Amino acid sequence: DGTTEMTYTLTEEPIPGYDTAIVLEVPGTNGIMMIVNTYQVTKLTGTKVWQDGGKTHDNATEVELTVHWEKLDSNGNIVTNPDTGKPVTGTVDDPKIIWSSDSSGEFTVGGLPVGDGQGNTYSYWVEETGWHGLEYEDPAYSVNTHSTGSAVDGITNGGVITNTLAPITLSLWKQW
């Protein structure tokens, strides 16, 4: 009779690595529905500490960080390469590192993918790999360069990278 009310259901199968939202009516479209998929990203936070008697440092220009990743399966186990048996790891190309504007030494690495779109997730960690554009060979500082943190399922746990000024012992002699 033309007056029977119909009910429709709109669904989409989950897509790994994406959040899905169904917009029931797009404003201004006279009832058009839309599915929006948003790529899942996360961030890793940490702190850079200098133990050197209060010297002033500009972390954004002095410190070089490398962001590493390791692939985990849906159960949280490390994924290994079937040919080598070694963990599937890598580094983040051109990471988005933002240093705090104060002297706290806090940093954030943003825009990190939560997963690979195939049900695997990533665990991230940061390593200090240089200082003033140099590789670490400066004997004046001892460096704990490994800052662990995980970004699995969007959970971030920051770590601390510490540079400690190492005292130097000198043996001197005087000739008359």
N, C-alpha and C. Protein backbone atom coordinates (compact mmCIF):
# COMPACT_ATOMS: atom_id res chain seq x y z
N ASP A 1 0.81 -1.21 0.00
CA ASP A 1 0.00 0.00 0.00
C ASP A 1 0.85 1.27 0.00
N GLY A 2 2.20 1.12 0.03
CA GLY A 2 3.08 2.27 -0.03
C GLY A 2 3.34 2.94 1.30
N THR A 3 2.70 2.46 2.37
CA THR A 3 2.90 3.10 3.68
C THR A 3 3.67 2.21 4.66
N THR A 4 4.17 1.08 4.18
CA THR A 4 4.92 0.19 5.06
C THR A 4 6.30 0.77 5.34
N GLU A 5 6.63 0.89 6.61
CA GLU A 5 7.93 1.43 6.98
C GLU A 5 8.99 0.35 6.81
N MET A 6 10.09 0.74 6.17
CA MET A 6 11.20 -0.19 5.93
C MET A 6 12.37 0.23 6.82
N THR A 7 13.10 -0.75 7.34
CA THR A 7 14.28 -0.48 8.14
C THR A 7 15.48 -1.10 7.43
N TYR A 8 16.52 -0.29 7.24
CA TYR A 8 17.74 -0.75 6.59
C TYR A 8 18.89 -0.67 7.58
N THR A 9 19.82 -1.57 7.43
CA THR A 9 21.01 -1.57 8.29
C THR A 9 22.24 -1.44 7.41
N LEU A 10 23.11 -0.53 7.77
CA LEU A 10 24.35 -0.32 7.05
C LEU A 10 25.49 -0.76 7.94
N THR A 11 26.30 -1.71 7.46
CA THR A 11 27.45 -2.19 8.23
C THR A 11 28.65 -2.30 7.30
N GLU A 12 29.81 -2.36 7.91
CA GLU A 12 31.04 -2.59 7.15
C GLU A 12 31.92 -3.50 7.99
N GLU A 13 32.52 -4.48 7.36
CA GLU A 13 33.44 -5.36 8.07
C GLU A 13 34.62 -4.54 8.56
N PRO A 14 35.14 -4.86 9.75
CA PRO A 14 36.29 -4.11 10.26
C PRO A 14 37.51 -4.23 9.33
N ILE A 15 38.23 -3.13 9.20
CA ILE A 15 39.45 -3.10 8.39
C ILE A 15 40.61 -2.88 9.35
N PRO A 16 41.55 -3.83 9.43
CA PRO A 16 42.67 -3.66 10.36
C PRO A 16 43.42 -2.35 10.11
N GLY A 17 43.71 -1.65 11.19
CA GLY A 17 44.46 -0.40 11.09
C GLY A 17 43.58 0.82 10.89
N TYR A 18 42.26 0.63 10.85
CA TYR A 18 41.35 1.76 10.64
C TYR A 18 40.21 1.73 11.66
N ASP A 19 39.79 2.92 12.08
CA ASP A 19 38.57 3.07 12.87
C ASP A 19 37.46 3.39 11.88
N THR A 20 36.29 2.78 12.08
CA THR A 20 35.17 2.98 11.17
C THR A 20 34.03 3.68 11.89
N ALA A 21 33.49 4.70 11.26
CA ALA A 21 32.32 5.40 11.80
C ALA A 21 31.28 5.48 10.70
N ILE A 22 30.05 5.19 11.05
CA ILE A 22 28.95 5.30 10.09
C ILE A 22 28.17 6.57 10.42
N VAL A 23 28.14 7.48 9.47
CA VAL A 23 27.40 8.73 9.62
C VAL A 23 26.02 8.49 9.04
N LEU A 24 25.00 8.53 9.89
CA LEU A 24 23.65 8.17 9.43
C LEU A 24 23.07 9.16 8.45
N GLU A 25 23.39 10.40 8.59
CA GLU A 25 22.93 11.37 7.59
C GLU A 25 23.95 12.49 7.49
N VAL A 26 24.49 12.64 6.31
CA VAL A 26 25.45 13.71 6.08
C VAL A 26 24.67 15.01 5.99
N PRO A 27 25.01 15.99 6.83
CA PRO A 27 24.25 17.26 6.82
C PRO A 27 24.21 17.88 5.42
N GLY A 28 23.02 18.36 5.08
CA GLY A 28 22.84 19.07 3.82
C GLY A 28 22.75 18.18 2.59
N THR A 29 22.59 16.85 2.77
CA THR A 29 22.58 15.97 1.59
C THR A 29 21.24 15.27 1.41
N ASN A 30 20.25 15.61 2.21
CA ASN A 30 18.92 15.04 2.08
C ASN A 30 18.92 13.52 2.31
N GLY A 31 19.63 13.10 3.38
CA GLY A 31 19.55 11.70 3.79
C GLY A 31 20.65 10.78 3.30
N ILE A 32 21.68 11.29 2.66
CA ILE A 32 22.76 10.42 2.19
C ILE A 32 23.57 9.94 3.39
N MET A 33 23.88 8.64 3.38
CA MET A 33 24.66 8.04 4.46
C MET A 33 26.10 7.87 4.00
N MET A 34 27.03 7.80 4.98
CA MET A 34 28.42 7.71 4.61
C MET A 34 29.15 6.86 5.66
N ILE A 35 30.16 6.11 5.19
CA ILE A 35 31.04 5.37 6.07
C ILE A 35 32.40 6.07 6.03
N VAL A 36 32.95 6.40 7.21
CA VAL A 36 34.23 7.10 7.29
C VAL A 36 35.25 6.17 7.96
N ASN A 37 36.36 5.91 7.26
CA ASN A 37 37.44 5.10 7.81
C ASN A 37 38.60 6.02 8.14
N THR A 38 39.09 5.95 9.36
CA THR A 38 40.19 6.80 9.81
C THR A 38 41.39 5.93 10.14
N TYR A 39 42.53 6.25 9.53
CA TYR A 39 43.76 5.50 9.76
C TYR A 39 44.20 5.68 11.21
N GLN A 40 44.51 4.57 11.90
CA GLN A 40 44.90 4.62 13.31
C GLN A 40 46.38 4.94 13.45
N VAL A 41 46.68 6.01 14.18
CA VAL A 41 48.06 6.36 14.50
C VAL A 41 48.16 6.57 15.99
N THR A 42 49.37 6.53 16.48
CA THR A 42 49.61 6.74 17.90
C THR A 42 50.86 7.58 18.07
N LYS A 43 51.28 7.77 19.29
CA LYS A 43 52.49 8.55 19.55
C LYS A 43 53.31 7.86 20.63
N LEU A 44 54.56 8.22 20.68
CA LEU A 44 55.48 7.73 21.69
C LEU A 44 56.07 8.95 22.39
N THR A 45 56.11 8.91 23.71
CA THR A 45 56.64 10.04 24.46
C THR A 45 57.86 9.61 25.25
N GLY A 46 58.70 10.56 25.57
CA GLY A 46 59.88 10.26 26.37
C GLY A 46 60.49 11.54 26.90
N THR A 47 61.60 11.38 27.61
CA THR A 47 62.29 12.51 28.20
C THR A 47 63.78 12.36 27.99
N LYS A 48 64.44 13.46 27.68
CA LYS A 48 65.89 13.52 27.51
C LYS A 48 66.45 14.21 28.74
N VAL A 49 67.37 13.55 29.44
CA VAL A 49 67.95 14.09 30.67
C VAL A 49 69.45 14.25 30.50
N TRP A 50 69.96 15.39 30.92
CA TRP A 50 71.40 15.65 30.93
C TRP A 50 71.84 15.73 32.38
N GLN A 51 72.80 14.92 32.77
CA GLN A 51 73.36 14.98 34.11
C GLN A 51 74.79 15.50 33.97
N ASP A 52 74.90 16.83 33.93
CA ASP A 52 76.21 17.43 33.67
C ASP A 52 76.40 18.76 34.39
N GLY A 53 75.83 18.86 35.56
CA GLY A 53 76.05 20.05 36.36
C GLY A 53 75.28 21.27 35.92
N GLY A 54 74.18 21.08 35.22
CA GLY A 54 73.33 22.20 34.86
C GLY A 54 73.70 22.95 33.60
N LYS A 55 74.50 22.36 32.74
CA LYS A 55 74.83 23.04 31.48
C LYS A 55 73.55 23.16 30.65
N THR A 56 73.51 24.15 29.78
CA THR A 56 72.34 24.40 28.95
C THR A 56 72.45 23.61 27.65
N HIS A 57 71.35 22.98 27.26
CA HIS A 57 71.31 22.19 26.03
C HIS A 57 70.06 22.51 25.24
N ASP A 58 70.16 22.44 23.92
CA ASP A 58 69.02 22.59 23.04
C ASP A 58 68.80 21.23 22.37
N ASN A 59 67.93 20.43 22.97
CA ASN A 59 67.73 19.06 22.48
C ASN A 59 67.34 19.00 21.01
N ALA A 60 66.52 19.94 20.58
CA ALA A 60 66.03 19.90 19.20
C ALA A 60 67.16 20.01 18.18
N THR A 61 68.25 20.69 18.53
CA THR A 61 69.36 20.83 17.58
C THR A 61 70.56 19.96 17.96
N GLU A 62 70.68 19.57 19.23
CA GLU A 62 71.85 18.81 19.66
C GLU A 62 71.67 17.30 19.60
N VAL A 63 70.46 16.83 19.73
CA VAL A 63 70.21 15.40 19.90
C VAL A 63 69.59 14.81 18.64
N GLU A 64 70.11 13.68 18.20
CA GLU A 64 69.53 12.95 17.08
C GLU A 64 68.91 11.67 17.61
N LEU A 65 67.62 11.50 17.33
CA LEU A 65 66.90 10.32 17.78
C LEU A 65 66.56 9.44 16.58
N THR A 66 66.66 8.14 16.78
CA THR A 66 66.21 7.17 15.79
C THR A 66 65.05 6.40 16.41
N VAL A 67 63.94 6.30 15.68
CA VAL A 67 62.76 5.59 16.16
C VAL A 67 62.75 4.22 15.50
N HIS A 68 62.76 3.19 16.32
CA HIS A 68 62.76 1.80 15.84
C HIS A 68 61.38 1.19 16.06
N TRP A 69 61.07 0.16 15.28
CA TRP A 69 59.81 -0.57 15.47
C TRP A 69 60.07 -2.08 15.36
N GLU A 70 59.16 -2.80 15.98
CA GLU A 70 59.17 -4.26 15.92
C GLU A 70 57.73 -4.70 15.69
N LYS A 71 57.54 -5.66 14.80
CA LYS A 71 56.19 -6.11 14.45
C LYS A 71 55.74 -7.21 15.40
N LEU A 72 54.50 -7.08 15.89
CA LEU A 72 53.89 -8.07 16.78
C LEU A 72 52.63 -8.63 16.14
N ASP A 73 52.36 -9.93 16.35
CA ASP A 73 51.13 -10.51 15.80
C ASP A 73 49.94 -10.15 16.69
N SER A 74 48.77 -10.65 16.34
CA SER A 74 47.55 -10.28 17.07
C SER A 74 47.56 -10.76 18.52
N ASN A 75 48.44 -11.70 18.86
CA ASN A 75 48.57 -12.18 20.24
C ASN A 75 49.68 -11.46 21.01
N GLY A 76 50.36 -10.48 20.36
CA GLY A 76 51.43 -9.75 21.01
C GLY A 76 52.79 -10.44 20.92
N ASN A 77 52.87 -11.50 20.13
CA ASN A 77 54.15 -12.19 19.95
C ASN A 77 54.95 -11.53 18.83
N ILE A 78 56.26 -11.53 18.96
CA ILE A 78 57.13 -10.94 17.95
C ILE A 78 57.03 -11.73 16.66
N VAL A 79 56.80 -11.02 15.55
CA VAL A 79 56.74 -11.65 14.24
C VAL A 79 58.17 -11.86 13.74
N THR A 80 58.46 -13.06 13.26
CA THR A 80 59.80 -13.34 12.75
C THR A 80 59.75 -13.55 11.24
N ASN A 81 60.86 -13.25 10.60
CA ASN A 81 61.01 -13.47 9.17
C ASN A 81 61.14 -14.98 8.96
N PRO A 82 60.30 -15.59 8.13
CA PRO A 82 60.37 -17.04 7.94
C PRO A 82 61.69 -17.52 7.33
N ASP A 83 62.37 -16.65 6.59
CA ASP A 83 63.63 -17.06 5.96
C ASP A 83 64.81 -17.00 6.93
N THR A 84 64.81 -15.99 7.82
CA THR A 84 65.97 -15.80 8.70
C THR A 84 65.70 -16.20 10.14
N GLY A 85 64.43 -16.24 10.53
CA GLY A 85 64.08 -16.52 11.91
C GLY A 85 64.28 -15.33 12.83
N LYS A 86 64.68 -14.19 12.28
CA LYS A 86 64.93 -12.99 13.07
C LYS A 86 63.65 -12.15 13.16
N PRO A 87 63.53 -11.35 14.24
CA PRO A 87 62.35 -10.49 14.37
C PRO A 87 62.24 -9.51 13.20
N VAL A 88 61.01 -9.19 12.83
CA VAL A 88 60.76 -8.21 11.79
C VAL A 88 60.80 -6.83 12.45
N THR A 89 61.87 -6.07 12.14
CA THR A 89 62.09 -4.76 12.75
C THR A 89 62.47 -3.75 11.68
N GLY A 90 62.53 -2.50 12.07
CA GLY A 90 62.96 -1.45 11.15
C GLY A 90 63.04 -0.13 11.87
N THR A 91 63.29 0.92 11.12
CA THR A 91 63.30 2.27 11.67
C THR A 91 62.26 3.11 10.95
N VAL A 92 61.78 4.14 11.63
CA VAL A 92 60.77 5.04 11.07
C VAL A 92 61.49 6.08 10.22
N ASP A 93 61.10 6.17 8.95
CA ASP A 93 61.67 7.18 8.06
C ASP A 93 61.11 8.55 8.43
N ASP A 94 61.99 9.52 8.60
CA ASP A 94 61.61 10.91 8.86
C ASP A 94 60.55 11.03 9.96
N PRO A 95 60.87 10.58 11.18
CA PRO A 95 59.86 10.64 12.26
C PRO A 95 59.52 12.08 12.63
N LYS A 96 58.28 12.29 13.06
CA LYS A 96 57.80 13.61 13.47
C LYS A 96 58.08 13.77 14.96
N ILE A 97 59.26 14.32 15.29
CA ILE A 97 59.67 14.50 16.69
C ILE A 97 59.42 15.94 17.10
N ILE A 98 58.69 16.11 18.19
CA ILE A 98 58.40 17.44 18.71
C ILE A 98 58.97 17.52 20.11
N TRP A 99 59.85 18.49 20.34
CA TRP A 99 60.45 18.71 21.65
C TRP A 99 59.62 19.73 22.41
N SER A 100 59.54 19.59 23.72
CA SER A 100 58.81 20.56 24.54
C SER A 100 59.49 21.91 24.43
N SER A 101 58.72 22.97 24.59
CA SER A 101 59.28 24.32 24.45
C SER A 101 60.01 24.77 25.71
N ASP A 102 59.83 24.04 26.81
CA ASP A 102 60.56 24.40 28.04
C ASP A 102 61.82 23.54 28.14
N SER A 103 62.46 23.58 29.27
CA SER A 103 63.72 22.85 29.44
C SER A 103 63.51 21.47 30.06
N SER A 104 62.29 20.95 30.01
CA SER A 104 62.00 19.66 30.65
C SER A 104 62.60 18.48 29.89
N GLY A 105 62.94 18.65 28.63
CA GLY A 105 63.51 17.57 27.85
C GLY A 105 62.49 16.58 27.31
N GLU A 106 61.22 16.87 27.46
CA GLU A 106 60.18 15.94 26.98
C GLU A 106 60.06 16.02 25.46
N PHE A 107 59.82 14.86 24.86
CA PHE A 107 59.61 14.82 23.41
C PHE A 107 58.46 13.88 23.09
N THR A 108 57.87 14.11 21.93
CA THR A 108 56.79 13.28 21.43
C THR A 108 57.11 12.92 19.98
N VAL A 109 56.93 11.66 19.65
CA VAL A 109 57.05 11.20 18.27
C VAL A 109 55.63 10.83 17.85
N GLY A 110 55.07 11.59 16.92
CA GLY A 110 53.68 11.38 16.53
C GLY A 110 53.54 10.76 15.15
N GLY A 111 52.30 10.43 14.82
CA GLY A 111 51.98 9.90 13.50
C GLY A 111 52.47 8.48 13.25
N LEU A 112 52.68 7.71 14.32
CA LEU A 112 53.19 6.34 14.16
C LEU A 112 52.02 5.39 13.90
N PRO A 113 52.09 4.58 12.85
CA PRO A 113 51.01 3.64 12.58
C PRO A 113 50.84 2.64 13.72
N VAL A 114 49.61 2.36 14.10
CA VAL A 114 49.33 1.37 15.13
C VAL A 114 49.63 -0.04 14.60
N GLY A 115 49.32 -0.27 13.32
CA GLY A 115 49.52 -1.60 12.74
C GLY A 115 49.79 -1.54 11.26
N ASP A 116 49.88 -2.73 10.67
CA ASP A 116 50.22 -2.83 9.25
C ASP A 116 49.03 -3.09 8.34
N GLY A 117 47.82 -3.11 8.91
CA GLY A 117 46.63 -3.36 8.09
C GLY A 117 46.38 -4.84 7.86
N GLN A 118 47.24 -5.72 8.41
CA GLN A 118 47.07 -7.17 8.25
C GLN A 118 46.88 -7.85 9.61
N GLY A 119 46.50 -7.07 10.62
CA GLY A 119 46.26 -7.63 11.94
C GLY A 119 47.47 -7.59 12.85
N ASN A 120 48.61 -7.13 12.36
CA ASN A 120 49.82 -7.01 13.19
C ASN A 120 49.92 -5.60 13.74
N THR A 121 50.54 -5.46 14.92
CA THR A 121 50.75 -4.14 15.52
C THR A 121 52.24 -3.89 15.63
N TYR A 122 52.59 -2.67 16.03
CA TYR A 122 53.99 -2.29 16.17
C TYR A 122 54.31 -1.92 17.61
N SER A 123 55.50 -2.26 18.04
CA SER A 123 56.07 -1.78 19.28
C SER A 123 57.20 -0.83 18.89
N TYR A 124 57.27 0.33 19.53
CA TYR A 124 58.25 1.35 19.17
C TYR A 124 59.22 1.62 20.32
N TRP A 125 60.43 2.01 19.99
CA TRP A 125 61.38 2.53 20.97
C TRP A 125 62.28 3.53 20.29
N VAL A 126 62.88 4.39 21.13
CA VAL A 126 63.70 5.49 20.64
C VAL A 126 65.14 5.28 21.11
N GLU A 127 66.07 5.58 20.24
CA GLU A 127 67.49 5.49 20.58
C GLU A 127 68.16 6.80 20.20
N GLU A 128 68.97 7.33 21.09
CA GLU A 128 69.75 8.51 20.76
C GLU A 128 70.96 8.04 19.97
N THR A 129 71.09 8.53 18.75
CA THR A 129 72.13 8.01 17.86
C THR A 129 73.19 9.04 17.51
N GLY A 130 73.03 10.26 18.00
CA GLY A 130 74.04 11.27 17.71
C GLY A 130 73.85 12.49 18.55
N TRP A 131 74.89 13.29 18.60
CA TRP A 131 74.88 14.51 19.39
C TRP A 131 75.64 15.56 18.60
N HIS A 132 75.05 16.71 18.35
CA HIS A 132 75.66 17.77 17.54
C HIS A 132 76.04 17.23 16.16
N GLY A 133 75.25 16.31 15.62
CA GLY A 133 75.53 15.78 14.29
C GLY A 133 76.65 14.75 14.25
N LEU A 134 77.15 14.34 15.41
CA LEU A 134 78.25 13.37 15.45
C LEU A 134 77.76 12.04 15.99
N GLU A 135 78.40 10.97 15.58
CA GLU A 135 78.12 9.66 16.17
C GLU A 135 78.69 9.68 17.59
N TYR A 136 78.25 8.79 18.44
CA TYR A 136 78.72 8.77 19.81
C TYR A 136 80.12 8.22 19.93
N GLU A 137 81.08 9.11 20.05
CA GLU A 137 82.45 8.74 20.34
C GLU A 137 83.06 9.76 21.29
N ASP A 138 82.22 10.63 21.84
CA ASP A 138 82.69 11.66 22.75
C ASP A 138 82.88 11.03 24.14
N PRO A 139 84.14 10.89 24.60
CA PRO A 139 84.36 10.23 25.89
C PRO A 139 83.91 11.05 27.08
N ALA A 140 83.55 12.32 26.86
CA ALA A 140 83.14 13.17 27.98
C ALA A 140 81.76 12.78 28.52
N TYR A 141 80.94 12.12 27.71
CA TYR A 141 79.60 11.75 28.15
C TYR A 141 79.42 10.24 28.05
N SER A 142 78.84 9.65 29.08
CA SER A 142 78.38 8.27 28.96
C SER A 142 76.90 8.37 28.67
N VAL A 143 76.40 7.53 27.79
CA VAL A 143 75.04 7.70 27.30
C VAL A 143 74.24 6.42 27.46
N ASN A 144 73.08 6.56 28.09
CA ASN A 144 72.09 5.48 28.08
C ASN A 144 71.16 5.87 26.94
N THR A 145 71.36 5.29 25.77
CA THR A 145 70.67 5.79 24.58
C THR A 145 69.35 5.10 24.30
N HIS A 146 69.03 4.08 25.02
CA HIS A 146 67.85 3.29 24.67
C HIS A 146 66.66 3.71 25.53
N SER A 147 65.65 4.27 24.90
CA SER A 147 64.44 4.69 25.60
C SER A 147 63.32 3.79 25.13
N THR A 148 62.89 2.88 25.97
CA THR A 148 61.84 1.97 25.54
C THR A 148 60.49 2.62 25.71
N GLY A 149 59.58 2.19 24.93
CA GLY A 149 58.20 2.64 25.02
C GLY A 149 57.41 1.82 24.04
N SER A 150 56.15 1.67 24.28
CA SER A 150 55.37 0.86 23.38
C SER A 150 54.18 1.64 22.89
N ALA A 151 53.85 1.43 21.65
CA ALA A 151 52.69 2.10 21.08
C ALA A 151 51.69 1.06 20.58
N VAL A 152 51.74 -0.12 21.14
CA VAL A 152 50.84 -1.19 20.72
C VAL A 152 49.42 -0.84 21.16
N ASP A 153 48.47 -0.97 20.26
CA ASP A 153 47.06 -0.67 20.52
C ASP A 153 46.85 0.73 21.07
N GLY A 154 47.72 1.67 20.67
CA GLY A 154 47.54 3.06 21.06
C GLY A 154 48.00 3.38 22.47
N ILE A 155 48.59 2.42 23.19
CA ILE A 155 49.08 2.68 24.54
C ILE A 155 50.52 3.13 24.44
N THR A 156 50.85 4.25 25.05
CA THR A 156 52.23 4.73 25.00
C THR A 156 52.81 4.79 26.40
N ASN A 157 54.03 4.32 26.54
CA ASN A 157 54.76 4.40 27.80
C ASN A 157 56.11 4.99 27.48
N GLY A 158 56.33 6.21 27.90
CA GLY A 158 57.57 6.89 27.58
C GLY A 158 58.75 6.36 28.37
N GLY A 159 59.91 6.67 27.91
CA GLY A 159 61.14 6.28 28.57
C GLY A 159 62.02 7.49 28.76
N VAL A 160 63.18 7.26 29.33
CA VAL A 160 64.12 8.35 29.61
C VAL A 160 65.45 8.01 28.96
N ILE A 161 66.02 8.97 28.25
CA ILE A 161 67.36 8.87 27.69
C ILE A 161 68.23 9.79 28.54
N THR A 162 69.30 9.26 29.11
CA THR A 162 70.14 10.04 30.01
C THR A 162 71.56 10.14 29.48
N ASN A 163 72.09 11.36 29.44
CA ASN A 163 73.51 11.59 29.15
C ASN A 163 74.14 12.07 30.46
N THR A 164 75.19 11.39 30.89
CA THR A 164 75.87 11.74 32.13
C THR A 164 77.30 12.18 31.82
N LEU A 165 77.65 13.35 32.33
CA LEU A 165 79.01 13.83 32.15
C LEU A 165 79.95 12.91 32.91
N ALA A 166 80.90 12.33 32.18
CA ALA A 166 81.83 11.38 32.79
C ALA A 166 83.07 12.12 33.29
N PRO A 167 83.41 11.93 34.57
CA PRO A 167 84.62 12.61 35.06
C PRO A 167 85.86 12.05 34.36
N ILE A 168 86.83 12.91 34.18
CA ILE A 168 88.07 12.52 33.51
C ILE A 168 89.20 12.56 34.53
N THR A 169 90.01 11.51 34.57
CA THR A 169 91.16 11.48 35.46
C THR A 169 92.40 11.76 34.63
N LEU A 170 93.17 12.76 35.06
CA LEU A 170 94.38 13.13 34.34
C LEU A 170 95.60 12.81 35.20
N SER A 171 96.59 12.25 34.59
CA SER A 171 97.87 12.06 35.27
C SER A 171 98.82 13.11 34.72
N LEU A 172 99.36 13.93 35.58
CA LEU A 172 100.24 15.02 35.15
C LEU A 172 101.62 14.84 35.78
N TRP A 173 102.58 15.36 35.11
CA TRP A 173 103.92 15.43 35.70
C TRP A 173 104.51 16.76 35.30
N LYS A 174 105.37 17.22 36.11
CA LYS A 174 105.99 18.51 35.88
C LYS A 174 107.50 18.31 35.70
N GLN A 175 108.01 18.93 34.68
CA GLN A 175 109.43 18.82 34.43
C GLN A 175 110.08 20.17 34.73
N TRP A 176 111.18 20.19 35.49
CA TRP A 176 111.91 21.41 35.83
C TRP A 176 113.08 21.57 34.97
